[in-house]
């Protein structure tokens, strides 16, 4: 995360300075615009976009308490749910699909949060579990996370075998 943060800031800074100096130099000195500057500016904006998108996607993964593979698996589960709803209801009956999904969420919990084995209860708790409680550690490679990297707290909505329980079987404070 610290590398992605630094890379995003650096690539955005590089793009902005290259663009600014190139525009300023050509207008101030009536100079011809070198095609190599276009290539360098294009590459800098490409790397800025890619590193920023990668940073944003990893922040979202940390907030959800998932790895990339777990996120892909969660999308597969949600697609399976959507296919089941499509088979059960006609395409024009969107209200019935929403009601059924709401009933499932009331019985089992939302799959992206409560139905996630590693969900800790909030985005902040997931962030602090990975990045640590120190704000300095969020931006600089100092400090350490709360966990040891070998054991992870499990969502109490799951049983000992890792199966999601119904909402009525959850601990009272989570129902």
N, C-alpha and C. Protein backbone atom coordinates (compact mmCIF):
# COMPACT_ATOMS: atom_id res chain seq x y z
N UNK A 1 0.83 -1.19 0.00
CA UNK A 1 0.00 0.00 0.00
C UNK A 1 0.87 1.25 0.00
N UNK A 2 1.91 1.25 0.83
CA UNK A 2 2.78 2.43 0.85
C UNK A 2 3.46 2.64 -0.50
N UNK A 3 3.86 1.56 -1.14
CA UNK A 3 4.46 1.68 -2.46
C UNK A 3 3.46 2.24 -3.46
N UNK A 4 2.25 1.73 -3.45
CA UNK A 4 1.23 2.21 -4.38
C UNK A 4 0.89 3.68 -4.13
N UNK A 5 0.82 4.07 -2.86
CA UNK A 5 0.57 5.48 -2.55
C UNK A 5 1.69 6.36 -3.11
N UNK A 6 2.93 5.97 -2.85
CA UNK A 6 4.06 6.77 -3.32
C UNK A 6 4.13 6.77 -4.84
N UNK A 7 3.88 5.62 -5.46
CA UNK A 7 3.93 5.53 -6.92
C UNK A 7 2.83 6.39 -7.56
N UNK A 8 1.64 6.39 -6.96
CA UNK A 8 0.55 7.21 -7.51
C UNK A 8 0.87 8.68 -7.40
N UNK A 9 1.35 9.10 -6.26
CA UNK A 9 1.71 10.51 -6.08
C UNK A 9 2.83 10.89 -7.05
N UNK A 10 3.85 10.06 -7.14
CA UNK A 10 4.99 10.37 -8.01
C UNK A 10 4.58 10.43 -9.48
N UNK A 11 3.79 9.46 -9.94
CA UNK A 11 3.40 9.46 -11.35
C UNK A 11 2.47 10.63 -11.68
N UNK A 12 1.58 10.98 -10.76
CA UNK A 12 0.72 12.15 -10.98
C UNK A 12 1.55 13.44 -11.00
N UNK A 13 2.52 13.53 -10.09
CA UNK A 13 3.41 14.69 -10.06
C UNK A 13 4.24 14.77 -11.35
N UNK A 14 4.77 13.63 -11.78
CA UNK A 14 5.56 13.61 -13.01
C UNK A 14 4.73 14.05 -14.20
N UNK A 15 3.52 13.54 -14.31
CA UNK A 15 2.65 13.93 -15.41
C UNK A 15 2.36 15.43 -15.36
N UNK A 16 2.00 15.93 -14.19
CA UNK A 16 1.65 17.35 -14.08
C UNK A 16 2.83 18.25 -14.41
N UNK A 17 4.01 17.92 -13.91
CA UNK A 17 5.17 18.77 -14.18
C UNK A 17 5.61 18.68 -15.64
N UNK A 18 5.59 17.50 -16.21
CA UNK A 18 5.94 17.36 -17.63
C UNK A 18 4.98 18.15 -18.50
N UNK A 19 3.71 18.03 -18.22
CA UNK A 19 2.71 18.75 -19.01
C UNK A 19 2.86 20.25 -18.82
N UNK A 20 3.02 20.67 -17.59
CA UNK A 20 3.15 22.11 -17.31
C UNK A 20 4.38 22.72 -17.95
N UNK A 21 5.52 22.07 -17.78
CA UNK A 21 6.75 22.61 -18.36
C UNK A 21 6.74 22.56 -19.88
N UNK A 22 6.15 21.54 -20.44
CA UNK A 22 6.09 21.44 -21.91
C UNK A 22 5.21 22.53 -22.49
N UNK A 23 4.06 22.76 -21.89
CA UNK A 23 3.17 23.82 -22.39
C UNK A 23 3.81 25.18 -22.18
N UNK A 24 4.39 25.39 -21.00
CA UNK A 24 5.02 26.68 -20.70
C UNK A 24 6.21 26.95 -21.63
N UNK A 25 7.02 25.91 -21.89
CA UNK A 25 8.20 26.08 -22.74
C UNK A 25 7.86 26.37 -24.19
N UNK A 26 6.82 25.73 -24.69
CA UNK A 26 6.46 25.96 -26.10
C UNK A 26 5.79 27.30 -26.30
N UNK A 27 5.01 27.75 -25.33
CA UNK A 27 4.33 29.05 -25.50
C UNK A 27 5.27 30.21 -25.19
N UNK A 28 6.16 30.04 -24.25
CA UNK A 28 7.04 31.13 -23.84
C UNK A 28 8.15 31.38 -24.87
N UNK A 29 8.69 30.30 -25.40
CA UNK A 29 9.85 30.44 -26.29
C UNK A 29 9.51 30.21 -27.76
N UNK A 30 8.25 30.06 -28.08
CA UNK A 30 7.83 29.76 -29.45
C UNK A 30 8.61 28.59 -30.05
N UNK A 31 8.89 27.63 -29.25
CA UNK A 31 9.69 26.49 -29.68
C UNK A 31 8.78 25.43 -30.30
N UNK A 32 9.38 24.61 -31.12
CA UNK A 32 8.65 23.47 -31.68
C UNK A 32 8.47 22.43 -30.58
N UNK A 33 7.38 21.73 -30.67
CA UNK A 33 7.08 20.70 -29.67
C UNK A 33 7.71 19.39 -30.12
N UNK A 34 8.62 18.87 -29.33
CA UNK A 34 9.33 17.64 -29.65
C UNK A 34 8.38 16.44 -29.48
N UNK A 35 8.28 15.54 -30.46
CA UNK A 35 7.40 14.38 -30.35
C UNK A 35 7.76 13.46 -29.18
N UNK A 36 9.01 13.48 -28.75
CA UNK A 36 9.39 12.66 -27.61
C UNK A 36 8.67 13.12 -26.34
N UNK A 37 8.39 14.41 -26.24
CA UNK A 37 7.64 14.92 -25.09
C UNK A 37 6.23 14.35 -25.07
N UNK A 38 5.64 14.21 -26.23
CA UNK A 38 4.29 13.64 -26.30
C UNK A 38 4.31 12.20 -25.80
N UNK A 39 5.32 11.44 -26.22
CA UNK A 39 5.42 10.04 -25.79
C UNK A 39 5.64 9.98 -24.28
N UNK A 40 6.52 10.80 -23.76
CA UNK A 40 6.81 10.79 -22.31
C UNK A 40 5.57 11.21 -21.52
N UNK A 41 4.88 12.23 -21.99
CA UNK A 41 3.66 12.67 -21.30
C UNK A 41 2.59 11.58 -21.36
N UNK A 42 2.45 10.93 -22.50
CA UNK A 42 1.47 9.85 -22.63
C UNK A 42 1.81 8.69 -21.70
N UNK A 43 3.08 8.32 -21.63
CA UNK A 43 3.48 7.25 -20.72
C UNK A 43 3.27 7.64 -19.26
N UNK A 44 3.58 8.88 -18.93
CA UNK A 44 3.40 9.30 -17.53
C UNK A 44 1.93 9.29 -17.14
N UNK A 45 1.04 9.72 -18.03
CA UNK A 45 -0.39 9.69 -17.69
C UNK A 45 -0.89 8.25 -17.63
N UNK A 46 -0.36 7.37 -18.50
CA UNK A 46 -0.75 5.96 -18.45
C UNK A 46 -0.35 5.34 -17.11
N UNK A 47 0.90 5.55 -16.69
CA UNK A 47 1.33 5.00 -15.40
C UNK A 47 0.60 5.65 -14.23
N UNK A 48 0.28 6.93 -14.33
CA UNK A 48 -0.47 7.59 -13.27
C UNK A 48 -1.86 6.97 -13.14
N UNK A 49 -2.51 6.72 -14.25
CA UNK A 49 -3.85 6.11 -14.22
C UNK A 49 -3.78 4.69 -13.66
N UNK A 50 -2.83 3.90 -14.14
CA UNK A 50 -2.73 2.50 -13.70
C UNK A 50 -2.41 2.39 -12.21
N UNK A 51 -1.43 3.15 -11.73
CA UNK A 51 -1.09 3.05 -10.31
C UNK A 51 -2.21 3.58 -9.42
N UNK A 52 -2.90 4.61 -9.86
CA UNK A 52 -4.00 5.15 -9.06
C UNK A 52 -5.17 4.17 -9.00
N UNK A 53 -5.48 3.54 -10.12
CA UNK A 53 -6.55 2.53 -10.13
C UNK A 53 -6.17 1.35 -9.24
N UNK A 54 -4.93 0.92 -9.31
CA UNK A 54 -4.48 -0.19 -8.46
C UNK A 54 -4.55 0.20 -6.98
N UNK A 55 -4.16 1.43 -6.66
CA UNK A 55 -4.26 1.91 -5.29
C UNK A 55 -5.71 1.91 -4.81
N UNK A 56 -6.60 2.46 -5.62
CA UNK A 56 -8.02 2.53 -5.23
C UNK A 56 -8.59 1.12 -5.05
N UNK A 57 -8.28 0.21 -5.96
CA UNK A 57 -8.82 -1.15 -5.84
C UNK A 57 -8.31 -1.84 -4.57
N UNK A 58 -7.06 -1.60 -4.19
CA UNK A 58 -6.55 -2.23 -2.97
C UNK A 58 -7.11 -1.57 -1.71
N UNK A 59 -7.37 -0.29 -1.75
CA UNK A 59 -8.05 0.34 -0.61
C UNK A 59 -9.44 -0.27 -0.44
N UNK A 60 -10.17 -0.45 -1.53
CA UNK A 60 -11.50 -1.06 -1.46
C UNK A 60 -11.43 -2.50 -0.95
N UNK A 61 -10.40 -3.24 -1.36
CA UNK A 61 -10.24 -4.60 -0.86
C UNK A 61 -9.95 -4.63 0.63
N UNK A 62 -9.10 -3.73 1.09
CA UNK A 62 -8.80 -3.66 2.53
C UNK A 62 -10.06 -3.29 3.30
N UNK A 63 -10.81 -2.33 2.80
CA UNK A 63 -12.05 -1.93 3.47
C UNK A 63 -13.03 -3.10 3.58
N UNK A 64 -13.06 -3.95 2.55
CA UNK A 64 -14.01 -5.07 2.58
C UNK A 64 -13.44 -6.29 3.29
N UNK A 65 -12.16 -6.26 3.65
CA UNK A 65 -11.56 -7.39 4.36
C UNK A 65 -11.35 -8.59 3.45
N UNK A 66 -11.02 -8.35 2.20
CA UNK A 66 -10.87 -9.43 1.25
C UNK A 66 -9.55 -9.33 0.50
N UNK A 67 -9.11 -10.48 0.02
CA UNK A 67 -8.01 -10.49 -0.94
C UNK A 67 -8.62 -10.41 -2.34
N UNK A 68 -7.79 -10.30 -3.35
CA UNK A 68 -8.30 -10.24 -4.71
C UNK A 68 -9.05 -11.52 -5.07
N UNK A 69 -8.50 -12.66 -4.68
CA UNK A 69 -9.14 -13.94 -4.99
C UNK A 69 -10.48 -14.05 -4.26
N UNK A 70 -10.53 -13.65 -3.00
CA UNK A 70 -11.79 -13.69 -2.26
C UNK A 70 -12.82 -12.76 -2.87
N UNK A 71 -12.39 -11.62 -3.36
CA UNK A 71 -13.30 -10.69 -4.01
C UNK A 71 -13.87 -11.29 -5.29
N UNK A 72 -13.04 -11.97 -6.06
CA UNK A 72 -13.52 -12.64 -7.27
C UNK A 72 -14.54 -13.72 -6.90
N UNK A 73 -14.25 -14.46 -5.84
CA UNK A 73 -15.18 -15.50 -5.38
C UNK A 73 -16.51 -14.87 -4.93
N UNK A 74 -16.44 -13.73 -4.25
CA UNK A 74 -17.66 -13.05 -3.80
C UNK A 74 -18.50 -12.60 -5.00
N UNK A 75 -17.82 -12.12 -6.05
CA UNK A 75 -18.55 -11.73 -7.26
C UNK A 75 -19.21 -12.94 -7.92
N UNK A 76 -18.56 -14.09 -7.87
CA UNK A 76 -19.16 -15.32 -8.41
C UNK A 76 -20.41 -15.70 -7.62
N UNK A 77 -20.35 -15.57 -6.30
CA UNK A 77 -21.52 -15.88 -5.47
C UNK A 77 -22.65 -14.93 -5.79
N UNK A 78 -22.35 -13.64 -5.92
CA UNK A 78 -23.39 -12.67 -6.25
C UNK A 78 -23.96 -12.91 -7.64
N UNK A 79 -23.13 -13.32 -8.59
CA UNK A 79 -23.63 -13.66 -9.93
C UNK A 79 -24.53 -14.88 -9.88
N UNK A 80 -24.17 -15.87 -9.04
CA UNK A 80 -25.01 -17.06 -8.88
C UNK A 80 -26.37 -16.68 -8.28
N UNK A 81 -26.36 -15.77 -7.30
CA UNK A 81 -27.62 -15.29 -6.73
C UNK A 81 -28.47 -14.60 -7.79
N UNK A 82 -27.83 -13.77 -8.61
CA UNK A 82 -28.57 -13.06 -9.66
C UNK A 82 -29.16 -14.03 -10.67
N UNK A 83 -28.41 -15.07 -11.03
CA UNK A 83 -28.95 -16.07 -11.96
C UNK A 83 -30.13 -16.81 -11.35
N UNK A 84 -30.05 -17.12 -10.05
CA UNK A 84 -31.16 -17.80 -9.38
C UNK A 84 -32.39 -16.91 -9.37
N UNK A 85 -32.20 -15.61 -9.11
CA UNK A 85 -33.32 -14.69 -9.14
C UNK A 85 -33.89 -14.54 -10.54
N UNK A 86 -33.01 -14.54 -11.55
CA UNK A 86 -33.48 -14.44 -12.93
C UNK A 86 -34.30 -15.66 -13.33
N UNK A 87 -33.92 -16.84 -12.83
CA UNK A 87 -34.70 -18.05 -13.13
C UNK A 87 -36.03 -18.04 -12.38
N UNK A 88 -36.04 -17.47 -11.18
CA UNK A 88 -37.25 -17.51 -10.36
C UNK A 88 -38.27 -16.45 -10.76
N UNK A 89 -37.81 -15.33 -11.30
CA UNK A 89 -38.71 -14.23 -11.62
C UNK A 89 -38.53 -13.80 -13.06
N UNK A 90 -39.57 -13.25 -13.62
CA UNK A 90 -39.51 -12.72 -14.98
C UNK A 90 -38.64 -11.47 -15.01
N UNK A 91 -38.17 -11.12 -16.21
CA UNK A 91 -37.25 -9.99 -16.36
C UNK A 91 -37.91 -8.68 -15.96
N UNK A 92 -39.21 -8.56 -16.07
CA UNK A 92 -39.88 -7.30 -15.76
C UNK A 92 -40.25 -7.17 -14.28
N UNK A 93 -40.06 -8.23 -13.51
CA UNK A 93 -40.46 -8.22 -12.10
C UNK A 93 -39.28 -7.85 -11.20
N UNK A 94 -38.76 -6.65 -11.41
CA UNK A 94 -37.59 -6.18 -10.65
C UNK A 94 -37.91 -6.01 -9.17
N UNK A 95 -39.13 -5.58 -8.86
CA UNK A 95 -39.51 -5.38 -7.47
C UNK A 95 -39.47 -6.67 -6.68
N UNK A 96 -39.92 -7.76 -7.28
CA UNK A 96 -39.90 -9.06 -6.59
C UNK A 96 -38.46 -9.52 -6.37
N UNK A 97 -37.60 -9.27 -7.33
CA UNK A 97 -36.19 -9.63 -7.16
C UNK A 97 -35.57 -8.85 -6.01
N UNK A 98 -35.86 -7.55 -5.93
CA UNK A 98 -35.32 -6.72 -4.84
C UNK A 98 -35.85 -7.20 -3.49
N UNK A 99 -37.15 -7.54 -3.43
CA UNK A 99 -37.73 -8.01 -2.17
C UNK A 99 -37.09 -9.33 -1.75
N UNK A 100 -36.89 -10.23 -2.71
CA UNK A 100 -36.28 -11.52 -2.38
C UNK A 100 -34.85 -11.34 -1.90
N UNK A 101 -34.08 -10.47 -2.57
CA UNK A 101 -32.70 -10.21 -2.14
C UNK A 101 -32.70 -9.59 -0.74
N UNK A 102 -33.66 -8.70 -0.46
CA UNK A 102 -33.77 -8.08 0.87
C UNK A 102 -34.09 -9.15 1.92
N UNK A 103 -34.96 -10.11 1.56
CA UNK A 103 -35.28 -11.20 2.50
C UNK A 103 -34.04 -12.04 2.78
N UNK A 104 -33.27 -12.35 1.74
CA UNK A 104 -32.04 -13.11 1.93
C UNK A 104 -31.07 -12.35 2.83
N UNK A 105 -30.95 -11.04 2.59
CA UNK A 105 -30.05 -10.23 3.41
C UNK A 105 -30.52 -10.17 4.85
N UNK A 106 -31.85 -10.14 5.06
CA UNK A 106 -32.37 -10.13 6.43
C UNK A 106 -32.11 -11.46 7.13
N UNK A 107 -32.15 -12.55 6.39
CA UNK A 107 -31.95 -13.86 6.99
C UNK A 107 -30.47 -14.21 7.16
N UNK A 108 -29.64 -13.89 6.16
CA UNK A 108 -28.24 -14.31 6.15
C UNK A 108 -27.25 -13.17 6.32
N UNK A 109 -27.67 -11.94 6.05
CA UNK A 109 -26.75 -10.81 6.08
C UNK A 109 -26.28 -10.47 4.67
N UNK A 110 -25.81 -9.26 4.51
CA UNK A 110 -25.31 -8.80 3.21
C UNK A 110 -24.03 -9.56 2.88
N UNK A 111 -23.97 -10.14 1.69
CA UNK A 111 -22.83 -10.98 1.32
C UNK A 111 -21.51 -10.20 1.25
N UNK A 112 -21.56 -8.93 0.90
CA UNK A 112 -20.31 -8.19 0.77
C UNK A 112 -19.75 -7.75 2.12
N UNK A 113 -20.55 -7.75 3.16
CA UNK A 113 -20.05 -7.35 4.48
C UNK A 113 -20.28 -8.47 5.49
N UNK A 114 -21.49 -8.62 5.96
CA UNK A 114 -21.78 -9.59 7.02
C UNK A 114 -21.54 -11.04 6.57
N UNK A 115 -21.69 -11.30 5.29
CA UNK A 115 -21.49 -12.64 4.76
C UNK A 115 -20.04 -12.92 4.37
N UNK A 116 -19.14 -12.03 4.72
CA UNK A 116 -17.72 -12.19 4.41
C UNK A 116 -17.03 -12.73 5.67
N UNK A 117 -16.32 -13.82 5.52
CA UNK A 117 -15.66 -14.47 6.67
C UNK A 117 -14.70 -13.54 7.39
N UNK A 118 -14.07 -12.62 6.67
CA UNK A 118 -13.04 -11.77 7.27
C UNK A 118 -13.53 -10.36 7.58
N UNK A 119 -14.81 -10.08 7.44
CA UNK A 119 -15.36 -8.76 7.75
C UNK A 119 -15.26 -8.51 9.24
N UNK A 120 -14.68 -7.38 9.61
CA UNK A 120 -14.46 -7.08 11.03
C UNK A 120 -15.51 -6.16 11.62
N UNK A 121 -16.46 -5.72 10.83
CA UNK A 121 -17.54 -4.90 11.36
C UNK A 121 -17.61 -3.51 10.76
N UNK A 122 -16.48 -2.99 10.28
CA UNK A 122 -16.49 -1.68 9.64
C UNK A 122 -15.26 -1.55 8.75
N UNK A 123 -15.30 -0.57 7.86
CA UNK A 123 -14.15 -0.31 7.00
C UNK A 123 -12.94 0.12 7.81
N UNK A 124 -13.19 0.93 8.83
CA UNK A 124 -12.10 1.42 9.66
C UNK A 124 -11.37 0.27 10.36
N UNK A 125 -12.13 -0.67 10.90
CA UNK A 125 -11.50 -1.80 11.60
C UNK A 125 -10.68 -2.65 10.63
N UNK A 126 -11.19 -2.85 9.42
CA UNK A 126 -10.43 -3.59 8.41
C UNK A 126 -9.16 -2.87 8.02
N UNK A 127 -9.27 -1.55 7.87
CA UNK A 127 -8.10 -0.73 7.51
C UNK A 127 -7.05 -0.79 8.61
N UNK A 128 -7.47 -0.62 9.87
CA UNK A 128 -6.52 -0.64 10.98
C UNK A 128 -5.92 -2.02 11.19
N UNK A 129 -6.67 -3.07 10.86
CA UNK A 129 -6.11 -4.41 10.99
C UNK A 129 -4.95 -4.62 10.03
N UNK A 130 -5.05 -4.05 8.84
CA UNK A 130 -3.99 -4.22 7.84
C UNK A 130 -2.91 -3.16 7.98
N UNK A 131 -3.30 -1.89 8.13
CA UNK A 131 -2.36 -0.78 8.07
C UNK A 131 -1.89 -0.30 9.45
N UNK A 132 -2.52 -0.77 10.51
CA UNK A 132 -2.14 -0.34 11.85
C UNK A 132 -2.98 0.85 12.32
N UNK A 133 -2.87 1.15 13.59
CA UNK A 133 -3.65 2.26 14.15
C UNK A 133 -2.98 3.60 13.97
N UNK A 134 -1.69 3.62 13.75
CA UNK A 134 -0.96 4.87 13.59
C UNK A 134 -1.21 5.46 12.21
N UNK A 135 -1.65 6.70 12.18
CA UNK A 135 -1.90 7.38 10.90
C UNK A 135 -0.61 7.53 10.11
N UNK A 136 0.51 7.70 10.80
CA UNK A 136 1.80 7.80 10.11
C UNK A 136 2.09 6.53 9.31
N UNK A 137 1.71 5.39 9.86
CA UNK A 137 1.93 4.12 9.18
C UNK A 137 1.07 3.95 7.95
N UNK A 138 0.01 4.72 7.86
CA UNK A 138 -0.85 4.63 6.68
C UNK A 138 -0.17 5.24 5.46
N UNK A 139 0.75 6.16 5.68
CA UNK A 139 1.38 6.87 4.57
C UNK A 139 2.88 6.63 4.47
N UNK A 140 3.49 6.24 5.57
CA UNK A 140 4.93 5.97 5.59
C UNK A 140 5.15 4.53 6.04
N UNK A 141 6.20 3.91 5.58
CA UNK A 141 6.45 2.51 5.98
C UNK A 141 7.03 2.41 7.38
N UNK A 142 6.27 2.90 8.37
CA UNK A 142 6.68 2.81 9.77
C UNK A 142 5.55 2.14 10.55
N UNK A 143 5.88 1.59 11.70
CA UNK A 143 4.87 0.95 12.53
C UNK A 143 4.55 -0.44 12.02
N UNK A 144 3.48 -0.99 12.54
CA UNK A 144 3.09 -2.34 12.14
C UNK A 144 1.59 -2.50 12.32
N UNK A 145 1.07 -3.54 11.68
CA UNK A 145 -0.36 -3.80 11.77
C UNK A 145 -0.67 -4.46 13.09
N UNK A 146 -1.94 -4.59 13.39
CA UNK A 146 -2.35 -5.20 14.64
C UNK A 146 -2.11 -6.70 14.67
N UNK A 147 -2.24 -7.34 13.53
CA UNK A 147 -2.10 -8.80 13.50
C UNK A 147 -0.66 -9.21 13.22
N UNK A 148 -0.40 -10.48 13.42
CA UNK A 148 0.95 -10.98 13.18
C UNK A 148 1.13 -11.49 11.75
N UNK A 149 0.06 -11.46 10.95
CA UNK A 149 0.12 -11.93 9.57
C UNK A 149 -0.09 -13.42 9.43
N UNK A 150 -0.25 -14.12 10.53
CA UNK A 150 -0.46 -15.57 10.50
C UNK A 150 -1.85 -15.96 10.98
N UNK A 151 -2.39 -15.19 11.90
CA UNK A 151 -3.73 -15.45 12.41
C UNK A 151 -4.59 -14.21 12.17
N UNK A 152 -5.84 -14.45 11.86
CA UNK A 152 -6.75 -13.35 11.55
C UNK A 152 -8.05 -13.53 12.33
N UNK A 153 -8.61 -12.44 12.81
CA UNK A 153 -9.89 -12.56 13.49
C UNK A 153 -10.98 -12.95 12.49
N UNK A 154 -11.87 -13.83 12.90
CA UNK A 154 -12.93 -14.33 12.04
C UNK A 154 -14.23 -13.64 12.39
N UNK A 155 -15.04 -13.39 11.40
CA UNK A 155 -16.35 -12.80 11.58
C UNK A 155 -17.17 -13.70 12.50
N UNK A 156 -17.70 -13.18 13.61
CA UNK A 156 -18.44 -14.03 14.56
C UNK A 156 -19.77 -14.52 14.01
N UNK A 157 -20.14 -14.12 12.82
CA UNK A 157 -21.38 -14.59 12.20
C UNK A 157 -21.21 -15.98 11.59
N UNK A 158 -20.00 -16.50 11.61
CA UNK A 158 -19.70 -17.81 11.04
C UNK A 158 -19.49 -18.82 12.16
N UNK A 159 -19.75 -20.09 11.88
CA UNK A 159 -19.52 -21.13 12.88
C UNK A 159 -18.06 -21.58 12.85
N UNK A 160 -17.73 -22.60 13.64
CA UNK A 160 -16.34 -23.05 13.77
C UNK A 160 -15.78 -23.63 12.46
N UNK A 161 -16.67 -24.15 11.62
CA UNK A 161 -16.23 -24.72 10.34
C UNK A 161 -16.17 -23.68 9.23
N UNK A 162 -16.50 -22.45 9.53
CA UNK A 162 -16.43 -21.39 8.52
C UNK A 162 -17.70 -21.24 7.70
N UNK A 163 -18.82 -21.75 8.20
CA UNK A 163 -20.10 -21.62 7.49
C UNK A 163 -20.89 -20.46 8.06
N UNK A 164 -21.48 -19.68 7.18
CA UNK A 164 -22.31 -18.54 7.60
C UNK A 164 -23.58 -19.06 8.26
N UNK A 165 -23.88 -18.50 9.43
CA UNK A 165 -25.08 -18.90 10.14
C UNK A 165 -26.22 -17.92 9.82
N UNK A 166 -27.44 -18.35 10.07
CA UNK A 166 -28.59 -17.46 9.91
C UNK A 166 -28.49 -16.34 10.94
N UNK A 167 -29.13 -15.22 10.63
CA UNK A 167 -29.09 -14.06 11.52
C UNK A 167 -29.60 -14.41 12.92
N UNK A 168 -30.57 -15.29 13.03
CA UNK A 168 -31.11 -15.68 14.34
C UNK A 168 -30.09 -16.43 15.18
N UNK A 169 -29.06 -17.00 14.55
CA UNK A 169 -28.03 -17.76 15.26
C UNK A 169 -26.78 -16.91 15.56
N UNK A 170 -26.77 -15.67 15.10
CA UNK A 170 -25.63 -14.80 15.36
C UNK A 170 -25.59 -14.41 16.83
N UNK A 171 -24.45 -13.95 17.32
CA UNK A 171 -24.41 -13.40 18.68
C UNK A 171 -25.43 -12.25 18.81
N UNK A 172 -26.02 -12.13 19.97
CA UNK A 172 -27.12 -11.16 20.18
C UNK A 172 -26.76 -9.74 19.78
N UNK A 173 -25.54 -9.29 20.07
CA UNK A 173 -25.16 -7.91 19.77
C UNK A 173 -25.00 -7.63 18.27
N UNK A 174 -24.97 -8.68 17.45
CA UNK A 174 -24.82 -8.50 16.00
C UNK A 174 -26.13 -8.67 15.24
N UNK A 175 -27.16 -9.20 15.91
CA UNK A 175 -28.42 -9.43 15.22
C UNK A 175 -29.07 -8.12 14.88
